[in-house]
């Protein structure tokens, strides 16, 4: 479960993504983007209609798209300028990093843990 501060941050990032056309809203648009391999992450309304969720959740799983279902349809709708939205898909890698960072920070995980660091072949600037 994501706390309110993390939800606000995630919804703010998604709102920016929608305005910048880096995110898609609605079941059909998310399905199309997932089929094309463009989605990085999806926000799914936990209280969305079962019919809508049945159309999109299995496809997201099959395509390996990470999904977060801690939001209500009204919360997602408010970000998208609609009454209610079942799913929002994010296609931008930068926005996805911000969303995952907010979720990871909430869960107490260290971002980048387990990732190997790539060192530059340049000289150390401190010398």
C-alpha atoms as a PDB file:
ATOM      1  CA  UNK A   1       0.000   0.000   0.000  1.00  0.00           C
ATOM      2  CA  UNK A   2       1.318   3.411  -0.960  1.00  0.00           C
ATOM      3  CA  UNK A   3       0.943   6.311   1.491  1.00  0.00           C
ATOM      4  CA  UNK A   4      -0.736   9.599   0.553  1.00  0.00           C
ATOM      5  CA  UNK A   5       2.496  11.564  -0.018  1.00  0.00           C
ATOM      6  CA  UNK A   6       3.810   8.970  -2.469  1.00  0.00           C
ATOM      7  CA  UNK A   7       0.400   8.829  -4.200  1.00  0.00           C
ATOM      8  CA  UNK A   8       0.420  12.615  -4.642  1.00  0.00           C
ATOM      9  CA  UNK A   9       3.924  12.487  -6.112  1.00  0.00           C
ATOM     10  CA  UNK A  10       3.056   9.652  -8.494  1.00  0.00           C
ATOM     11  CA  UNK A  11      -0.206  11.269  -9.599  1.00  0.00           C
ATOM     12  CA  UNK A  12       1.623  14.576 -10.127  1.00  0.00           C
ATOM     13  CA  UNK A  13       4.198  12.878 -12.345  1.00  0.00           C
ATOM     14  CA  UNK A  14       1.485  11.095 -14.305  1.00  0.00           C
ATOM     15  CA  UNK A  15      -0.403  14.367 -14.739  1.00  0.00           C
ATOM     16  CA  UNK A  16       2.721  15.931 -16.233  1.00  0.00           C
ATOM     17  CA  UNK A  17       3.104  12.915 -18.479  1.00  0.00           C
ATOM     18  CA  UNK A  18      -0.452  13.203 -19.740  1.00  0.00           C
ATOM     19  CA  UNK A  19      -0.028  16.890 -20.528  1.00  0.00           C
ATOM     20  CA  UNK A  20       3.274  16.149 -22.307  1.00  0.00           C
ATOM     21  CA  UNK A  21       1.685  13.235 -24.203  1.00  0.00           C
ATOM     22  CA  UNK A  22       4.038  10.750 -22.565  1.00  0.00           C
ATOM     23  CA  UNK A  23       1.159   8.777 -21.079  1.00  0.00           C
ATOM     24  CA  UNK A  24      -2.044   7.292 -22.456  1.00  0.00           C
ATOM     25  CA  UNK A  25      -5.441   7.193 -20.754  1.00  0.00           C
ATOM     26  CA  UNK A  26      -8.104   4.539 -20.981  1.00  0.00           C
ATOM     27  CA  UNK A  27      -8.337   0.813 -21.593  1.00  0.00           C
ATOM     28  CA  UNK A  28      -8.179   0.870 -25.398  1.00  0.00           C
ATOM     29  CA  UNK A  29      -5.255   3.294 -25.645  1.00  0.00           C
ATOM     30  CA  UNK A  30      -3.303   1.386 -22.997  1.00  0.00           C
ATOM     31  CA  UNK A  31      -4.002  -1.903 -24.806  1.00  0.00           C
ATOM     32  CA  UNK A  32      -2.782  -0.425 -28.108  1.00  0.00           C
ATOM     33  CA  UNK A  33       0.388   0.988 -26.522  1.00  0.00           C
ATOM     34  CA  UNK A  34       1.101  -2.310 -24.742  1.00  0.00           C
ATOM     35  CA  UNK A  35       0.678  -4.267 -27.982  1.00  0.00           C
ATOM     36  CA  UNK A  36       3.191  -1.950 -29.657  1.00  0.00           C
ATOM     37  CA  UNK A  37       5.643  -2.396 -26.781  1.00  0.00           C
ATOM     38  CA  UNK A  38       5.645   1.280 -25.823  1.00  0.00           C
ATOM     39  CA  UNK A  39       4.486   1.050 -22.213  1.00  0.00           C
ATOM     40  CA  UNK A  40       6.932   1.104 -19.317  1.00  0.00           C
ATOM     41  CA  UNK A  41       4.458   1.073 -16.409  1.00  0.00           C
ATOM     42  CA  UNK A  42       0.690   1.240 -15.874  1.00  0.00           C
ATOM     43  CA  UNK A  43      -1.458   2.617 -13.080  1.00  0.00           C
ATOM     44  CA  UNK A  44      -4.560   0.473 -12.690  1.00  0.00           C
ATOM     45  CA  UNK A  45      -7.664   1.473 -10.738  1.00  0.00           C
ATOM     46  CA  UNK A  46      -8.231  -1.180  -8.099  1.00  0.00           C
ATOM     47  CA  UNK A  47     -11.926  -0.367  -8.129  1.00  0.00           C
ATOM     48  CA  UNK A  48     -12.263  -0.290 -11.924  1.00  0.00           C
ATOM     49  CA  UNK A  49     -14.948  -2.355 -13.599  1.00  0.00           C
ATOM     50  CA  UNK A  50     -14.132  -6.050 -13.844  1.00  0.00           C
ATOM     51  CA  UNK A  51     -14.784  -5.969 -17.590  1.00  0.00           C
ATOM     52  CA  UNK A  52     -12.192  -3.213 -18.109  1.00  0.00           C
ATOM     53  CA  UNK A  53      -9.626  -4.889 -15.878  1.00  0.00           C
ATOM     54  CA  UNK A  54     -10.131  -8.230 -17.667  1.00  0.00           C
ATOM     55  CA  UNK A  55      -9.287  -6.513 -20.954  1.00  0.00           C
ATOM     56  CA  UNK A  56      -6.070  -4.865 -19.837  1.00  0.00           C
ATOM     57  CA  UNK A  57      -4.444  -6.612 -16.850  1.00  0.00           C
ATOM     58  CA  UNK A  58      -3.720  -9.956 -18.579  1.00  0.00           C
ATOM     59  CA  UNK A  59      -2.186  -8.106 -21.539  1.00  0.00           C
ATOM     60  CA  UNK A  60       0.037  -6.026 -19.245  1.00  0.00           C
ATOM     61  CA  UNK A  61       1.202  -9.189 -17.502  1.00  0.00           C
ATOM     62  CA  UNK A  62       1.858 -10.990 -20.784  1.00  0.00           C
ATOM     63  CA  UNK A  63       3.885  -8.062 -22.100  1.00  0.00           C
ATOM     64  CA  UNK A  64       5.866  -7.718 -18.876  1.00  0.00           C
ATOM     65  CA  UNK A  65       4.576  -4.230 -18.100  1.00  0.00           C
ATOM     66  CA  UNK A  66       4.763  -3.419 -14.407  1.00  0.00           C
ATOM     67  CA  UNK A  67       1.465  -2.231 -12.961  1.00  0.00           C
ATOM     68  CA  UNK A  68       0.493  -0.473  -9.739  1.00  0.00           C
ATOM     69  CA  UNK A  69      -3.084  -0.964  -8.540  1.00  0.00           C
ATOM     70  CA  UNK A  70      -3.153   1.185  -5.396  1.00  0.00           C
ATOM     71  CA  UNK A  71      -5.254   3.927  -6.993  1.00  0.00           C
ATOM     72  CA  UNK A  72      -8.991   4.452  -7.327  1.00  0.00           C
ATOM     73  CA  UNK A  73     -10.734   5.210 -10.614  1.00  0.00           C
ATOM     74  CA  UNK A  74     -11.643   8.653  -9.238  1.00  0.00           C
ATOM     75  CA  UNK A  75      -7.990   9.464  -8.405  1.00  0.00           C
ATOM     76  CA  UNK A  76      -6.834   8.467 -11.876  1.00  0.00           C
ATOM     77  CA  UNK A  77      -9.771  10.315 -13.418  1.00  0.00           C
ATOM     78  CA  UNK A  78      -8.914  13.512 -11.545  1.00  0.00           C
ATOM     79  CA  UNK A  79      -5.408  13.444 -13.011  1.00  0.00           C
ATOM     80  CA  UNK A  80      -6.721  12.801 -16.518  1.00  0.00           C
ATOM     81  CA  UNK A  81      -9.500  15.405 -16.339  1.00  0.00           C
ATOM     82  CA  UNK A  82     -12.274  12.817 -16.404  1.00  0.00           C
ATOM     83  CA  UNK A  83     -14.749  11.481 -13.880  1.00  0.00           C
ATOM     84  CA  UNK A  84     -13.207   8.009 -13.667  1.00  0.00           C
ATOM     85  CA  UNK A  85     -10.409   6.165 -15.462  1.00  0.00           C
ATOM     86  CA  UNK A  86      -9.630   2.456 -15.220  1.00  0.00           C
ATOM     87  CA  UNK A  87      -5.997   2.589 -16.373  1.00  0.00           C
ATOM     88  CA  UNK A  88      -3.238   5.011 -17.334  1.00  0.00           C
ATOM     89  CA  UNK A  89      -0.120   3.832 -19.143  1.00  0.00           C
ATOM     90  CA  UNK A  90       3.230   5.641 -19.058  1.00  0.00           C
ATOM     91  CA  UNK A  91       5.553   5.347 -22.052  1.00  0.00           C
ATOM     92  CA  UNK A  92       8.415   7.605 -20.917  1.00  0.00           C
ATOM     93  CA  UNK A  93      11.420   6.049 -19.177  1.00  0.00           C
ATOM     94  CA  UNK A  94      12.126   9.167 -17.096  1.00  0.00           C
ATOM     95  CA  UNK A  95       8.605   9.322 -15.715  1.00  0.00           C
ATOM     96  CA  UNK A  96       8.741   5.604 -15.017  1.00  0.00           C
ATOM     97  CA  UNK A  97      11.954   6.040 -13.001  1.00  0.00           C
ATOM     98  CA  UNK A  98      10.262   8.777 -10.961  1.00  0.00           C
ATOM     99  CA  UNK A  99       7.201   6.612 -10.286  1.00  0.00           C
ATOM    100  CA  UNK A 100       9.254   3.568  -9.349  1.00  0.00           C
ATOM    101  CA  UNK A 101      11.461   5.783  -7.192  1.00  0.00           C
ATOM    102  CA  UNK A 102       8.423   7.039  -5.280  1.00  0.00           C
ATOM    103  CA  UNK A 103       7.141   3.497  -4.776  1.00  0.00           C
ATOM    104  CA  UNK A 104      10.595   2.233  -3.774  1.00  0.00           C
ATOM    105  CA  UNK A 105      11.138   5.105  -1.333  1.00  0.00           C
ATOM    106  CA  UNK A 106       7.776   4.339   0.245  1.00  0.00           C
ATOM    107  CA  UNK A 107       8.708   0.704   0.715  1.00  0.00           C
ATOM    108  CA  UNK A 108      12.118   1.624   2.138  1.00  0.00           C
ATOM    109  CA  UNK A 109      14.035   0.151  -0.756  1.00  0.00           C
ATOM    110  CA  UNK A 110      17.247   1.716  -1.956  1.00  0.00           C
ATOM    111  CA  UNK A 111      16.965   2.848  -5.541  1.00  0.00           C
ATOM    112  CA  UNK A 112      19.518   1.137  -7.744  1.00  0.00           C
ATOM    113  CA  UNK A 113      20.309  -1.600  -5.232  1.00  0.00           C
ATOM    114  CA  UNK A 114      21.920  -4.550  -6.924  1.00  0.00           C
ATOM    115  CA  UNK A 115      22.804  -2.534  -9.983  1.00  0.00           C
ATOM    116  CA  UNK A 116      26.427  -2.470 -11.054  1.00  0.00           C
ATOM    117  CA  UNK A 117      28.038   0.929 -11.367  1.00  0.00           C
ATOM    118  CA  UNK A 118      29.704   1.774 -14.627  1.00  0.00           C
ATOM    119  CA  UNK A 119      32.891   3.768 -14.206  1.00  0.00           C
ATOM    120  CA  UNK A 120      34.099   6.222 -16.764  1.00  0.00           C
ATOM    121  CA  UNK A 121      37.489   5.806 -18.365  1.00  0.00           C
ATOM    122  CA  UNK A 122      38.202   9.498 -17.774  1.00  0.00           C
ATOM    123  CA  UNK A 123      40.628  10.700 -15.180  1.00  0.00           C
ATOM    124  CA  UNK A 124      39.331  11.350 -11.702  1.00  0.00           C
ATOM    125  CA  UNK A 125      38.377  15.089 -11.569  1.00  0.00           C
ATOM    126  CA  UNK A 126      39.466  15.302  -7.933  1.00  0.00           C
ATOM    127  CA  UNK A 127      43.158  14.956  -8.860  1.00  0.00           C
END
